Amino acid sequence: MNQWVDNRGHRAESLHSVDGKASKRALVNSPMSSHLLEEASKIIPNTAVLVNLVSKRVRQLTNGQKPMVEVGPRMSNADIALQEIIEGCLTFEYLSEDSSAG
């Protein structure tokens, strides 16, 4: 399993398991609040979708995009992404086969 330490000293693990499938364990082991994860899971119950959405948003925040929610002093980018989901600022939609054909 791939591990790294961010600039705040938090240990994190890769969001993908050895076989390439998204893992809820990876989300739980990252530096984020478990209560935020539980609340966001109620909104997006599909773990793979939640992992990918949070991962993409964390990347955006890391690259300088502004948070869409009020940020507390100890919130990680993952916490911010989860809070954005909980508050309805960050959403997703499933595209049907017909709509992706363009």
C-alpha atoms as a PDB file:
ATOM      1  CA  MET A   1       0.000   0.000   0.000  1.00  0.00           C
ATOM      2  CA  ASN A   2       1.321   3.427  -0.915  1.00  0.00           C
ATOM      3  CA  GLN A   3       1.767   5.868   1.946  1.00  0.00           C
ATOM      4  CA  TRP A   4       2.927   9.461   2.137  1.00  0.00           C
ATOM      5  CA  VAL A   5       3.117  12.290   4.645  1.00  0.00           C
ATOM      6  CA  ASP A   6       1.574  15.648   3.773  1.00  0.00           C
ATOM      7  CA  ASN A   7       2.996  19.039   4.734  1.00  0.00           C
ATOM      8  CA  ARG A   8       1.083  18.935   8.053  1.00  0.00           C
ATOM      9  CA  GLY A   9       2.664  15.620   9.053  1.00  0.00           C
ATOM     10  CA  HIS A  10      -0.459  13.522   8.477  1.00  0.00           C
ATOM     11  CA  ARG A  11       0.087   9.991   7.252  1.00  0.00           C
ATOM     12  CA  ALA A  12      -2.214   9.032   4.420  1.00  0.00           C
ATOM     13  CA  GLU A  13      -2.687   5.971   2.271  1.00  0.00           C
ATOM     14  CA  SER A  14      -3.423   5.662  -1.397  1.00  0.00           C
ATOM     15  CA  LEU A  15      -7.118   5.898  -2.264  1.00  0.00           C
ATOM     16  CA  HIS A  16      -6.884   2.724  -4.330  1.00  0.00           C
ATOM     17  CA  SER A  17      -6.188  -0.814  -3.248  1.00  0.00           C
ATOM     18  CA  VAL A  18      -3.760  -3.138  -4.997  1.00  0.00           C
ATOM     19  CA  ASP A  19      -6.413  -4.275  -7.477  1.00  0.00           C
ATOM     20  CA  GLY A  20      -7.276  -0.639  -8.334  1.00  0.00           C
ATOM     21  CA  LYS A  21     -10.706  -0.575  -6.713  1.00  0.00           C
ATOM     22  CA  ALA A  22     -11.691   2.311  -4.476  1.00  0.00           C
ATOM     23  CA  SER A  23     -11.524   1.486  -0.807  1.00  0.00           C
ATOM     24  CA  LYS A  24     -13.565   2.888   2.083  1.00  0.00           C
ATOM     25  CA  ARG A  25     -10.650   1.935   4.338  1.00  0.00           C
ATOM     26  CA  ALA A  26      -8.468   4.430   2.468  1.00  0.00           C
ATOM     27  CA  LEU A  27     -10.927   7.207   3.260  1.00  0.00           C
ATOM     28  CA  VAL A  28     -11.161   6.196   6.913  1.00  0.00           C
ATOM     29  CA  ASN A  29      -7.357   6.147   7.298  1.00  0.00           C
ATOM     30  CA  SER A  30      -6.872   9.616   5.852  1.00  0.00           C
ATOM     31  CA  PRO A  31      -6.752  12.652   8.135  1.00  0.00           C
ATOM     32  CA  MET A  32     -10.452  13.554   8.226  1.00  0.00           C
ATOM     33  CA  SER A  33     -13.250  13.576  10.731  1.00  0.00           C
ATOM     34  CA  SER A  34     -15.185  10.322  10.941  1.00  0.00           C
ATOM     35  CA  HIS A  35     -18.447  12.134  11.678  1.00  0.00           C
ATOM     36  CA  LEU A  36     -18.077  14.082   8.407  1.00  0.00           C
ATOM     37  CA  LEU A  37     -17.480  10.822   6.560  1.00  0.00           C
ATOM     38  CA  GLU A  38     -20.593   9.283   8.110  1.00  0.00           C
ATOM     39  CA  GLU A  39     -22.741  12.302   7.186  1.00  0.00           C
ATOM     40  CA  ALA A  40     -21.402  12.433   3.614  1.00  0.00           C
ATOM     41  CA  SER A  41     -22.023   8.667   3.279  1.00  0.00           C
ATOM     42  CA  LYS A  42     -25.706   9.309   3.975  1.00  0.00           C
ATOM     43  CA  ILE A  43     -25.788  11.666   0.977  1.00  0.00           C
ATOM     44  CA  ILE A  44     -23.575   9.558  -1.315  1.00  0.00           C
ATOM     45  CA  PRO A  45     -23.923   5.942  -0.138  1.00  0.00           C
ATOM     46  CA  ASN A  46     -21.834   4.519  -3.004  1.00  0.00           C
ATOM     47  CA  THR A  47     -18.336   4.329  -1.504  1.00  0.00           C
ATOM     48  CA  ALA A  48     -16.520   4.355  -4.845  1.00  0.00           C
ATOM     49  CA  VAL A  49     -18.333   7.521  -5.944  1.00  0.00           C
ATOM     50  CA  LEU A  50     -17.678   9.206  -2.590  1.00  0.00           C
ATOM     51  CA  VAL A  51     -13.965   8.320  -2.675  1.00  0.00           C
ATOM     52  CA  ASN A  52     -13.581   9.620  -6.222  1.00  0.00           C
ATOM     53  CA  LEU A  53     -15.536  12.817  -5.564  1.00  0.00           C
ATOM     54  CA  VAL A  54     -13.587  13.638  -2.399  1.00  0.00           C
ATOM     55  CA  SER A  55     -10.291  12.770  -4.085  1.00  0.00           C
ATOM     56  CA  LYS A  56     -10.959  15.045  -7.042  1.00  0.00           C
ATOM     57  CA  ARG A  57     -12.090  17.914  -4.804  1.00  0.00           C
ATOM     58  CA  VAL A  58      -9.044  17.530  -2.526  1.00  0.00           C
ATOM     59  CA  ARG A  59      -6.856  17.794  -5.620  1.00  0.00           C
ATOM     60  CA  GLN A  60      -8.674  20.989  -6.638  1.00  0.00           C
ATOM     61  CA  LEU A  61      -8.301  22.503  -3.161  1.00  0.00           C
ATOM     62  CA  THR A  62      -4.628  21.550  -3.059  1.00  0.00           C
ATOM     63  CA  ASN A  63      -4.155  23.327  -6.395  1.00  0.00           C
ATOM     64  CA  GLY A  64      -5.583  26.567  -5.002  1.00  0.00           C
ATOM     65  CA  GLN A  65      -9.344  26.504  -5.552  1.00  0.00           C
ATOM     66  CA  LYS A  66     -11.266  28.262  -2.797  1.00  0.00           C
ATOM     67  CA  PRO A  67     -13.467  26.273  -0.402  1.00  0.00           C
ATOM     68  CA  MET A  68     -17.228  26.686  -0.838  1.00  0.00           C
ATOM     69  CA  VAL A  69     -17.854  26.349   2.925  1.00  0.00           C
ATOM     70  CA  GLU A  70     -16.588  28.047   6.050  1.00  0.00           C
ATOM     71  CA  VAL A  71     -13.275  26.448   7.034  1.00  0.00           C
ATOM     72  CA  GLY A  72     -12.339  25.711  10.630  1.00  0.00           C
ATOM     73  CA  PRO A  73      -8.762  25.934  11.950  1.00  0.00           C
ATOM     74  CA  ARG A  74      -8.080  22.171  11.926  1.00  0.00           C
ATOM     75  CA  MET A  75      -9.972  21.122   8.801  1.00  0.00           C
ATOM     76  CA  SER A  76      -8.008  19.142   6.243  1.00  0.00           C
ATOM     77  CA  ASN A  77      -8.814  19.409   2.531  1.00  0.00           C
ATOM     78  CA  ALA A  78     -10.658  16.093   2.860  1.00  0.00           C
ATOM     79  CA  ASP A  79     -12.755  17.554   5.703  1.00  0.00           C
ATOM     80  CA  ILE A  80     -13.550  20.561   3.530  1.00  0.00           C
ATOM     81  CA  ALA A  81     -14.605  18.337   0.612  1.00  0.00           C
ATOM     82  CA  LEU A  82     -16.838  16.253   2.887  1.00  0.00           C
ATOM     83  CA  GLN A  83     -18.379  19.391   4.415  1.00  0.00           C
ATOM     84  CA  GLU A  84     -19.072  20.702   0.896  1.00  0.00           C
ATOM     85  CA  ILE A  85     -20.935  17.459   0.141  1.00  0.00           C
ATOM     86  CA  ILE A  86     -22.891  17.647   3.403  1.00  0.00           C
ATOM     87  CA  GLU A  87     -23.925  21.267   2.797  1.00  0.00           C
ATOM     88  CA  GLY A  88     -24.944  20.536  -0.790  1.00  0.00           C
ATOM     89  CA  CYS A  89     -22.245  22.713  -2.355  1.00  0.00           C
ATOM     90  CA  LEU A  90     -20.565  19.733  -4.027  1.00  0.00           C
ATOM     91  CA  THR A  91     -22.812  17.334  -5.901  1.00  0.00           C
ATOM     92  CA  PHE A  92     -22.640  14.720  -8.632  1.00  0.00           C
ATOM     93  CA  GLU A  93     -24.962  13.092 -11.082  1.00  0.00           C
ATOM     94  CA  TYR A  94     -24.928   9.777 -12.879  1.00  0.00           C
ATOM     95  CA  LEU A  95     -24.876  10.172 -16.648  1.00  0.00           C
ATOM     96  CA  SER A  96     -26.872   7.758 -18.720  1.00  0.00           C
ATOM     97  CA  GLU A  97     -25.391   6.036 -21.753  1.00  0.00           C
ATOM     98  CA  ASP A  98     -27.477   8.306 -24.011  1.00  0.00           C
ATOM     99  CA  SER A  99     -26.264  11.598 -22.515  1.00  0.00           C
ATOM    100  CA  SER A 100     -22.578  10.648 -22.711  1.00  0.00           C
ATOM    101  CA  ALA A 101     -22.775   9.859 -26.445  1.00  0.00           C
ATOM    102  CA  GLY A 102     -22.935  13.596 -27.090  1.00  0.00           C
END
